[in-house]
Amino acid sequence: MDVKQLQNKTEEELWAMYSKSRDPAIRDAFVKQYAPLVKYVAGKVAVGMPHNIEFDDLVGYGVFGLFDAIEKFDPDKHVKFKTYAVTRIRGAIFDELRSIDWVPRSVRQKTREVEDAVHRLEASLGRSVSDNEIANEMGMNMKDYQKTIIKISGTSILSLNDVWYTGEDNDKVSIVDSIESPQGLNPDIIVEKDEIKRVIIEAINELPEKEKKVLVLYYYEDLTLKEIGKVLEVTESRVSQLHTKAIMRLRAKLTNLKKGIL
């Protein structure tokens, strides 16, 4: 099919045709149409990343996710392609970042120490704990604790894409999916997946209010850290810290769940 013929078709018609024919011309048209989406997702991922992570590399990783999304998208499931593609693009970027193991070992160790401290405290106290309590548990003063949070803030976003369930056809539930789809998953998703998602959403709802707002505004309302700072009337660096602490709490709350299902 030539370009002029493609231009006369609606997107719905093109997806229906591509599902049957796998016409390379249609695929290329979709790639061209959604290329800006790859740059958009890469731009969001790039926020807070170390300087050695190049934006163009993130875009390159994301393109693989776009190709994957086009090949696996099922228009009969009544999900918007853009919504589906964002998850695939972001997932491809994170998968590649994990494979190159870009997080320094010292940062990974500190992240684990904070998560363990939060997990111990909240398990024993039965509530969300304060920064002072976490710092005391780690034997640190507040100044050193805040430095630690800042140090690990650039890596915390990867934590949101950890897989919490893998079923048939590589279906996954991640924390970020739970934030982005607060109304729940499609009806045809298996019961176990819904249950895991419910527990994740409960954990999110138990977060301190400001930390929960940061997650919802960033992942669901799609605001940048700078825009969130204006909404909450705090600095961008403060938003980054709130984001990091929210991730630490979520991972601590869900540690036992993950061990039980993976």
C-alpha atoms as a PDB file:
ATOM      1  CA  MET A   1       0.000   0.000   0.000  1.00  0.00           C
ATOM      2  CA  ASP A   2       1.429   3.389  -0.971  1.00  0.00           C
ATOM      3  CA  VAL A   3       1.646   6.505   1.211  1.00  0.00           C
ATOM      4  CA  LYS A   4      -1.344   8.236  -0.418  1.00  0.00           C
ATOM      5  CA  GLN A   5      -3.588   5.234   0.239  1.00  0.00           C
ATOM      6  CA  LEU A   6      -2.473   5.135   3.864  1.00  0.00           C
ATOM      7  CA  GLN A   7      -3.286   8.799   4.344  1.00  0.00           C
ATOM      8  CA  ASN A   8      -6.896   8.174   3.356  1.00  0.00           C
ATOM      9  CA  LYS A   9      -7.393   5.579   6.108  1.00  0.00           C
ATOM     10  CA  THR A  10      -8.323   6.171   9.734  1.00  0.00           C
ATOM     11  CA  GLU A  11      -6.007   4.834  12.411  1.00  0.00           C
ATOM     12  CA  GLU A  12      -8.602   2.226  13.375  1.00  0.00           C
ATOM     13  CA  GLU A  13      -8.731   1.034   9.770  1.00  0.00           C
ATOM     14  CA  LEU A  14      -4.941   0.866   9.599  1.00  0.00           C
ATOM     15  CA  TRP A  15      -4.724  -1.239  12.781  1.00  0.00           C
ATOM     16  CA  ALA A  16      -7.361  -3.619  11.448  1.00  0.00           C
ATOM     17  CA  MET A  17      -5.429  -3.956   8.187  1.00  0.00           C
ATOM     18  CA  TYR A  18      -2.070  -4.366   9.923  1.00  0.00           C
ATOM     19  CA  SER A  19      -3.416  -7.073  12.235  1.00  0.00           C
ATOM     20  CA  LYS A  20      -4.234  -9.157   9.163  1.00  0.00           C
ATOM     21  CA  SER A  21      -1.507  -8.238   6.674  1.00  0.00           C
ATOM     22  CA  ARG A  22       1.549  -7.122   8.712  1.00  0.00           C
ATOM     23  CA  ASP A  23       2.216  -4.744   5.832  1.00  0.00           C
ATOM     24  CA  PRO A  24       5.668  -3.114   6.399  1.00  0.00           C
ATOM     25  CA  ALA A  25       4.387   0.140   4.912  1.00  0.00           C
ATOM     26  CA  ILE A  26       1.691   0.379   7.597  1.00  0.00           C
ATOM     27  CA  ARG A  27       4.209  -0.490  10.309  1.00  0.00           C
ATOM     28  CA  ASP A  28       6.552   2.239   9.076  1.00  0.00           C
ATOM     29  CA  ALA A  29       3.683   4.719   9.103  1.00  0.00           C
ATOM     30  CA  PHE A  30       2.972   3.885  12.740  1.00  0.00           C
ATOM     31  CA  VAL A  31       6.661   4.221  13.629  1.00  0.00           C
ATOM     32  CA  LYS A  32       6.768   7.665  12.023  1.00  0.00           C
ATOM     33  CA  GLN A  33       3.521   8.736  13.684  1.00  0.00           C
ATOM     34  CA  TYR A  34       4.576   7.686  17.175  1.00  0.00           C
ATOM     35  CA  ALA A  35       8.281   8.600  17.052  1.00  0.00           C
ATOM     36  CA  PRO A  36       7.589  11.795  19.073  1.00  0.00           C
ATOM     37  CA  LEU A  37       6.067   9.594  21.794  1.00  0.00           C
ATOM     38  CA  VAL A  38       9.407   7.791  22.160  1.00  0.00           C
ATOM     39  CA  LYS A  39      11.197  11.105  22.668  1.00  0.00           C
ATOM     40  CA  TYR A  40       8.569  12.181  25.171  1.00  0.00           C
ATOM     41  CA  VAL A  41       8.938   9.023  27.267  1.00  0.00           C
ATOM     42  CA  ALA A  42      12.734   9.170  27.024  1.00  0.00           C
ATOM     43  CA  GLY A  43      12.603  12.781  28.203  1.00  0.00           C
ATOM     44  CA  LYS A  44      10.640  11.814  31.304  1.00  0.00           C
ATOM     45  CA  VAL A  45      13.005   8.947  32.077  1.00  0.00           C
ATOM     46  CA  ALA A  46      16.013  11.230  31.605  1.00  0.00           C
ATOM     47  CA  VAL A  47      14.934  13.498  34.471  1.00  0.00           C
ATOM     48  CA  GLY A  48      17.292  12.917  37.377  1.00  0.00           C
ATOM     49  CA  MET A  49      19.494  10.475  35.484  1.00  0.00           C
ATOM     50  CA  PRO A  50      23.292  10.782  35.836  1.00  0.00           C
ATOM     51  CA  HIS A  51      25.085  12.801  33.132  1.00  0.00           C
ATOM     52  CA  ASN A  52      26.666   9.675  31.661  1.00  0.00           C
ATOM     53  CA  ILE A  53      23.224   8.509  30.498  1.00  0.00           C
ATOM     54  CA  GLU A  54      22.695  10.098  27.073  1.00  0.00           C
ATOM     55  CA  PHE A  55      19.209  11.188  25.994  1.00  0.00           C
ATOM     56  CA  ASP A  56      19.798   9.860  22.466  1.00  0.00           C
ATOM     57  CA  ASP A  57      20.643   6.444  23.908  1.00  0.00           C
ATOM     58  CA  LEU A  58      17.364   6.423  25.834  1.00  0.00           C
ATOM     59  CA  VAL A  59      15.511   7.278  22.618  1.00  0.00           C
ATOM     60  CA  GLY A  60      17.296   4.423  20.855  1.00  0.00           C
ATOM     61  CA  TYR A  61      16.273   1.967  23.567  1.00  0.00           C
ATOM     62  CA  GLY A  62      12.704   3.296  23.403  1.00  0.00           C
ATOM     63  CA  VAL A  63      12.426   2.727  19.654  1.00  0.00           C
ATOM     64  CA  PHE A  64      12.755  -1.005  20.285  1.00  0.00           C
ATOM     65  CA  GLY A  65       9.825  -0.705  22.663  1.00  0.00           C
ATOM     66  CA  LEU A  66       7.775   1.077  20.020  1.00  0.00           C
ATOM     67  CA  PHE A  67       8.449  -1.692  17.491  1.00  0.00           C
ATOM     68  CA  ASP A  68       7.485  -4.241  20.150  1.00  0.00           C
ATOM     69  CA  ALA A  69       4.275  -2.340  20.910  1.00  0.00           C
ATOM     70  CA  ILE A  70       3.284  -2.178  17.231  1.00  0.00           C
ATOM     71  CA  GLU A  71       3.854  -5.906  16.779  1.00  0.00           C
ATOM     72  CA  LYS A  72       1.955  -6.954  19.924  1.00  0.00           C
ATOM     73  CA  PHE A  73      -0.865  -4.402  19.987  1.00  0.00           C
ATOM     74  CA  ASP A  74      -4.343  -5.907  19.785  1.00  0.00           C
ATOM     75  CA  PRO A  75      -6.935  -3.298  18.711  1.00  0.00           C
ATOM     76  CA  ASP A  76      -9.749  -5.666  19.746  1.00  0.00           C
ATOM     77  CA  LYS A  77      -8.883  -5.196  23.429  1.00  0.00           C
ATOM     78  CA  HIS A  78     -10.165  -1.597  23.314  1.00  0.00           C
ATOM     79  CA  VAL A  79      -7.043  -0.063  24.812  1.00  0.00           C
ATOM     80  CA  LYS A  80      -5.614   3.076  23.222  1.00  0.00           C
ATOM     81  CA  PHE A  81      -2.364   2.345  21.405  1.00  0.00           C
ATOM     82  CA  LYS A  82      -0.690   5.385  22.968  1.00  0.00           C
ATOM     83  CA  THR A  83      -1.411   4.062  26.469  1.00  0.00           C
ATOM     84  CA  TYR A  84      -0.142   0.607  25.548  1.00  0.00           C
ATOM     85  CA  ALA A  85       2.927   1.953  23.738  1.00  0.00           C
ATOM     86  CA  VAL A  86       4.063   4.183  26.612  1.00  0.00           C
ATOM     87  CA  THR A  87       4.360   1.132  28.867  1.00  0.00           C
ATOM     88  CA  ARG A  88       6.283  -0.849  26.235  1.00  0.00           C
ATOM     89  CA  ILE A  89       8.593   2.045  25.363  1.00  0.00           C
ATOM     90  CA  ARG A  90       9.396   2.791  28.976  1.00  0.00           C
ATOM     91  CA  GLY A  91       9.851  -0.899  29.720  1.00  0.00           C
ATOM     92  CA  ALA A  92      12.356  -1.260  26.866  1.00  0.00           C
ATOM     93  CA  ILE A  93      14.353   1.710  28.173  1.00  0.00           C
ATOM     94  CA  PHE A  94      14.457   0.321  31.713  1.00  0.00           C
ATOM     95  CA  ASP A  95      15.340  -3.167  30.508  1.00  0.00           C
ATOM     96  CA  GLU A  96      18.336  -1.780  28.642  1.00  0.00           C
ATOM     97  CA  LEU A  97      19.421   0.366  31.597  1.00  0.00           C
ATOM     98  CA  ARG A  98      19.309  -2.705  33.813  1.00  0.00           C
ATOM     99  CA  SER A  99      21.307  -4.745  31.314  1.00  0.00           C
ATOM    100  CA  ILE A 100      24.146  -2.217  31.278  1.00  0.00           C
ATOM    101  CA  ASP A 101      24.038  -2.136  35.102  1.00  0.00           C
ATOM    102  CA  TRP A 102      24.568   1.619  35.303  1.00  0.00           C
ATOM    103  CA  VAL A 103      23.749   2.035  39.009  1.00  0.00           C
ATOM    104  CA  PRO A 104      26.948   2.180  41.125  1.00  0.00           C
ATOM    105  CA  ARG A 105      27.238  -0.641  43.650  1.00  0.00           C
ATOM    106  CA  SER A 106      27.558   1.820  46.539  1.00  0.00           C
ATOM    107  CA  VAL A 107      24.273   3.516  45.580  1.00  0.00           C
ATOM    108  CA  ARG A 108      22.522   0.175  45.240  1.00  0.00           C
ATOM    109  CA  GLN A 109      23.760  -0.807  48.701  1.00  0.00           C
ATOM    110  CA  LYS A 110      22.505   2.444  50.257  1.00  0.00           C
ATOM    111  CA  THR A 111      19.133   1.998  48.567  1.00  0.00           C
ATOM    112  CA  ARG A 112      18.828  -1.469  50.069  1.00  0.00           C
ATOM    113  CA  GLU A 113      19.800  -0.179  53.528  1.00  0.00           C
ATOM    114  CA  VAL A 114      17.087   2.512  53.454  1.00  0.00           C
ATOM    115  CA  GLU A 115      14.465   0.022  52.249  1.00  0.00           C
ATOM    116  CA  ASP A 116      15.434  -2.461  54.951  1.00  0.00           C
ATOM    117  CA  ALA A 117      15.231   0.222  57.653  1.00  0.00           C
ATOM    118  CA  VAL A 118      11.776   1.337  56.479  1.00  0.00           C
ATOM    119  CA  HIS A 119      10.601  -2.264  56.277  1.00  0.00           C
ATOM    120  CA  ARG A 120      11.756  -3.085  59.825  1.00  0.00           C
ATOM    121  CA  LEU A 121      10.235   0.055  61.326  1.00  0.00           C
ATOM    122  CA  GLU A 122       6.876  -0.116  59.573  1.00  0.00           C
ATOM    123  CA  ALA A 123       6.541  -3.835  60.291  1.00  0.00           C
ATOM    124  CA  SER A 124       7.088  -3.244  64.013  1.00  0.00           C
ATOM    125  CA  LEU A 125       5.174   0.051  64.355  1.00  0.00           C
ATOM    126  CA  GLY A 126       2.340  -0.712  61.938  1.00  0.00           C
ATOM    127  CA  ARG A 127       2.378   2.787  60.391  1.00  0.00           C
ATOM    128  CA  SER A 128       4.323   5.031  58.042  1.00  0.00           C
ATOM    129  CA  VAL A 129       7.504   6.265  59.681  1.00  0.00           C
ATOM    130  CA  SER A 130       9.153   9.687  59.662  1.00  0.00           C
ATOM    131  CA  ASP A 131      12.505  10.672  58.212  1.00  0.00           C
ATOM    132  CA  ASN A 132      13.854  11.123  61.740  1.00  0.00           C
ATOM    133  CA  GLU A 133      12.845   7.583  62.665  1.00  0.00           C
ATOM    134  CA  ILE A 134      14.467   6.139  59.543  1.00  0.00           C
ATOM    135  CA  ALA A 135      17.665   8.125  60.132  1.00  0.00           C
ATOM    136  CA  ASN A 136      17.808   6.947  63.763  1.00  0.00           C
ATOM    137  CA  GLU A 137      17.248   3.348  62.708  1.00  0.00           C
ATOM    138  CA  MET A 138      20.202   3.667  60.327  1.00  0.00           C
ATOM    139  CA  GLY A 139      22.372   5.358  62.964  1.00  0.00           C
ATOM    140  CA  MET A 140      22.610   8.571  60.903  1.00  0.00           C
ATOM    141  CA  ASN A 141      21.945  12.227  61.590  1.00  0.00           C
ATOM    142  CA  MET A 142      19.372  14.024  59.430  1.00  0.00           C
ATOM    143  CA  LYS A 143      21.981  15.810  57.333  1.00  0.00           C
ATOM    144  CA  ASP A 144      23.653  12.528  56.309  1.00  0.00           C
ATOM    145  CA  TYR A 145      20.266  10.882  55.761  1.00  0.00           C
ATOM    146  CA  GLN A 146      19.158  13.657  53.386  1.00  0.00           C
ATOM    147  CA  LYS A 147      22.455  13.374  51.504  1.00  0.00           C
ATOM    148  CA  THR A 148      21.797   9.648  51.115  1.00  0.00           C
ATOM    149  CA  ILE A 149      18.299  10.276  49.732  1.00  0.00           C
ATOM    150  CA  ILE A 150      19.655  12.800  47.226  1.00  0.00           C
ATOM    151  CA  LYS A 151      22.375  10.354  46.176  1.00  0.00           C
ATOM    152  CA  ILE A 152      19.917   7.570  45.369  1.00  0.00           C
ATOM    153  CA  SER A 153      17.163   9.783  43.919  1.00  0.00           C
ATOM    154  CA  GLY A 154      18.445   9.452  40.353  1.00  0.00           C
ATOM    155  CA  THR A 155      18.050   5.681  40.405  1.00  0.00           C
ATOM    156  CA  SER A 156      14.756   5.250  42.227  1.00  0.00           C
ATOM    157  CA  ILE A 157      12.557   5.456  39.127  1.00  0.00           C
ATOM    158  CA  LEU A 158      13.747   2.028  38.001  1.00  0.00           C
ATOM    159  CA  SER A 159      12.252   0.549  41.136  1.00  0.00           C
ATOM    160  CA  LEU A 160       8.756   1.421  39.976  1.00  0.00           C
ATOM    161  CA  ASN A 161       9.089  -0.898  37.005  1.00  0.00           C
ATOM    162  CA  ASP A 162       9.988  -4.011  38.936  1.00  0.00           C
ATOM    163  CA  VAL A 163       7.823  -6.922  37.845  1.00  0.00           C
ATOM    164  CA  TRP A 164       5.445  -8.196  40.522  1.00  0.00           C
ATOM    165  CA  TYR A 165       3.790 -10.921  38.509  1.00  0.00           C
ATOM    166  CA  THR A 166       4.605 -12.648  35.259  1.00  0.00           C
ATOM    167  CA  GLY A 167       1.897 -14.787  33.711  1.00  0.00           C
ATOM    168  CA  GLU A 168       1.100 -16.020  30.244  1.00  0.00           C
ATOM    169  CA  ASP A 169       2.172 -13.846  27.306  1.00  0.00           C
ATOM    170  CA  ASN A 170       4.606 -12.014  29.613  1.00  0.00           C
ATOM    171  CA  ASP A 171       1.820 -10.057  31.313  1.00  0.00           C
ATOM    172  CA  LYS A 172       3.240  -7.979  34.134  1.00  0.00           C
ATOM    173  CA  VAL A 173       2.087  -5.920  37.063  1.00  0.00           C
ATOM    174  CA  SER A 174       4.397  -3.159  38.237  1.00  0.00           C
ATOM    175  CA  ILE A 175       4.000  -0.368  40.742  1.00  0.00           C
ATOM    176  CA  VAL A 176       3.956   2.211  37.975  1.00  0.00           C
ATOM    177  CA  ASP A 177       1.108   0.396  36.168  1.00  0.00           C
ATOM    178  CA  SER A 178      -0.908   0.525  39.384  1.00  0.00           C
ATOM    179  CA  ILE A 179      -0.428   4.282  39.676  1.00  0.00           C
ATOM    180  CA  GLU A 180      -1.274   4.895  36.032  1.00  0.00           C
ATOM    181  CA  SER A 181      -4.408   2.733  36.030  1.00  0.00           C
ATOM    182  CA  PRO A 182      -6.106   3.410  39.377  1.00  0.00           C
ATOM    183  CA  GLN A 183      -9.413   2.044  38.125  1.00  0.00           C
ATOM    184  CA  GLY A 184      -7.959  -1.441  37.755  1.00  0.00           C
ATOM    185  CA  LEU A 185      -7.011  -3.722  34.893  1.00  0.00           C
ATOM    186  CA  ASN A 186      -9.071  -5.053  32.001  1.00  0.00           C
ATOM    187  CA  PRO A 187     -11.737  -7.643  32.912  1.00  0.00           C
ATOM    188  CA  ASP A 188      -9.943 -10.448  31.083  1.00  0.00           C
ATOM    189  CA  ILE A 189      -6.846 -10.204  33.330  1.00  0.00           C
ATOM    190  CA  ILE A 190      -6.407 -13.172  35.641  1.00  0.00           C
ATOM    191  CA  VAL A 191      -7.624 -13.016  39.238  1.00  0.00           C
ATOM    192  CA  GLU A 192      -4.176 -13.330  40.784  1.00  0.00           C
ATOM    193  CA  LYS A 193      -3.024 -10.272  38.904  1.00  0.00           C
ATOM    194  CA  ASP A 194      -5.966  -8.218  40.176  1.00  0.00           C
ATOM    195  CA  GLU A 195      -5.198  -9.274  43.741  1.00  0.00           C
ATOM    196  CA  ILE A 196      -1.544  -8.248  43.480  1.00  0.00           C
ATOM    197  CA  LYS A 197      -2.570  -4.948  41.926  1.00  0.00           C
ATOM    198  CA  ARG A 198      -5.027  -4.353  44.784  1.00  0.00           C
ATOM    199  CA  VAL A 199      -2.296  -4.847  47.374  1.00  0.00           C
ATOM    200  CA  ILE A 200       0.019  -2.469  45.508  1.00  0.00           C
ATOM    201  CA  ILE A 201      -2.693   0.213  45.353  1.00  0.00           C
ATOM    202  CA  GLU A 202      -3.330  -0.236  49.088  1.00  0.00           C
ATOM    203  CA  ALA A 203       0.378   0.297  49.743  1.00  0.00           C
ATOM    204  CA  ILE A 204       0.301   3.481  47.639  1.00  0.00           C
ATOM    205  CA  ASN A 205      -2.727   4.773  49.556  1.00  0.00           C
ATOM    206  CA  GLU A 206      -0.894   4.261  52.853  1.00  0.00           C
ATOM    207  CA  LEU A 207       1.907   6.629  51.856  1.00  0.00           C
ATOM    208  CA  PRO A 208       2.200  10.064  53.501  1.00  0.00           C
ATOM    209  CA  GLU A 209      -0.012  12.477  51.592  1.00  0.00           C
ATOM    210  CA  LYS A 210       2.716  14.526  49.901  1.00  0.00           C
ATOM    211  CA  GLU A 211       4.615  11.443  48.731  1.00  0.00           C
ATOM    212  CA  LYS A 212       1.433   9.929  47.330  1.00  0.00           C
ATOM    213  CA  LYS A 213       0.633  13.198  45.519  1.00  0.00           C
ATOM    214  CA  VAL A 214       4.071  13.245  43.912  1.00  0.00           C
ATOM    215  CA  LEU A 215       3.594   9.720  42.533  1.00  0.00           C
ATOM    216  CA  VAL A 216       0.097  10.384  41.233  1.00  0.00           C
ATOM    217  CA  LEU A 217       1.014  13.745  39.672  1.00  0.00           C
ATOM    218  CA  TYR A 218       4.148  12.352  38.045  1.00  0.00           C
ATOM    219  CA  TYR A 219       2.892   8.995  36.766  1.00  0.00           C
ATOM    220  CA  TYR A 220      -0.854   9.503  36.395  1.00  0.00           C
ATOM    221  CA  GLU A 221      -1.247  13.230  35.712  1.00  0.00           C
ATOM    222  CA  ASP A 222       2.013  13.178  33.719  1.00  0.00           C
ATOM    223  CA  LEU A 223       3.474  16.358  35.239  1.00  0.00           C
ATOM    224  CA  THR A 224       7.209  17.037  35.326  1.00  0.00           C
ATOM    225  CA  LEU A 225       9.064  17.364  38.637  1.00  0.00           C
ATOM    226  CA  LYS A 226       9.223  21.120  38.073  1.00  0.00           C
ATOM    227  CA  GLU A 227       5.460  21.343  37.506  1.00  0.00           C
ATOM    228  CA  ILE A 228       4.797  19.227  40.595  1.00  0.00           C
ATOM    229  CA  GLY A 229       6.996  21.597  42.601  1.00  0.00           C
ATOM    230  CA  LYS A 230       4.731  24.484  41.586  1.00  0.00           C
ATOM    231  CA  VAL A 231       1.605  22.540  42.555  1.00  0.00           C
ATOM    232  CA  LEU A 232       2.993  21.567  45.964  1.00  0.00           C
ATOM    233  CA  GLU A 233       4.841  24.881  46.390  1.00  0.00           C
ATOM    234  CA  VAL A 234       8.210  23.217  46.999  1.00  0.00           C
ATOM    235  CA  THR A 235      11.489  23.117  45.056  1.00  0.00           C
ATOM    236  CA  GLU A 236      12.157  20.629  42.267  1.00  0.00           C
ATOM    237  CA  SER A 237      14.882  18.982  44.364  1.00  0.00           C
ATOM    238  CA  ARG A 238      12.381  18.554  47.209  1.00  0.00           C
ATOM    239  CA  VAL A 239       9.969  16.842  44.806  1.00  0.00           C
ATOM    240  CA  SER A 240      12.786  14.512  43.756  1.00  0.00           C
ATOM    241  CA  GLN A 241      13.421  13.630  47.400  1.00  0.00           C
ATOM    242  CA  LEU A 242       9.717  13.022  48.060  1.00  0.00           C
ATOM    243  CA  HIS A 243       9.591  10.797  44.989  1.00  0.00           C
ATOM    244  CA  THR A 244      12.586   8.792  46.183  1.00  0.00           C
ATOM    245  CA  LYS A 245      11.213   8.350  49.697  1.00  0.00           C
ATOM    246  CA  ALA A 246       7.862   7.224  48.287  1.00  0.00           C
ATOM    247  CA  ILE A 247       9.621   4.548  46.242  1.00  0.00           C
ATOM    248  CA  MET A 248      11.633   3.391  49.251  1.00  0.00           C
ATOM    249  CA  ARG A 249       8.445   3.022  51.298  1.00  0.00           C
ATOM    250  CA  LEU A 250       6.603   1.170  48.538  1.00  0.00           C
ATOM    251  CA  ARG A 251       9.424  -1.273  47.979  1.00  0.00           C
ATOM    252  CA  ALA A 252       9.693  -1.902  51.700  1.00  0.00           C
ATOM    253  CA  LYS A 253       5.943  -2.514  51.998  1.00  0.00           C
ATOM    254  CA  LEU A 254       5.922  -4.885  49.041  1.00  0.00           C
ATOM    255  CA  THR A 255       9.070  -6.882  49.832  1.00  0.00           C
ATOM    256  CA  ASN A 256       7.171  -9.789  51.370  1.00  0.00           C
ATOM    257  CA  LEU A 257       4.588  -9.767  48.581  1.00  0.00           C
ATOM    258  CA  LYS A 258       7.275 -10.035  45.921  1.00  0.00           C
ATOM    259  CA  LYS A 259       9.026 -12.888  47.703  1.00  0.00           C
ATOM    260  CA  GLY A 260       5.770 -14.747  47.846  1.00  0.00           C
ATOM    261  CA  ILE A 261       4.816 -14.498  44.193  1.00  0.00           C
ATOM    262  CA  LEU A 262       8.057 -14.550  42.196  1.00  0.00           C
END
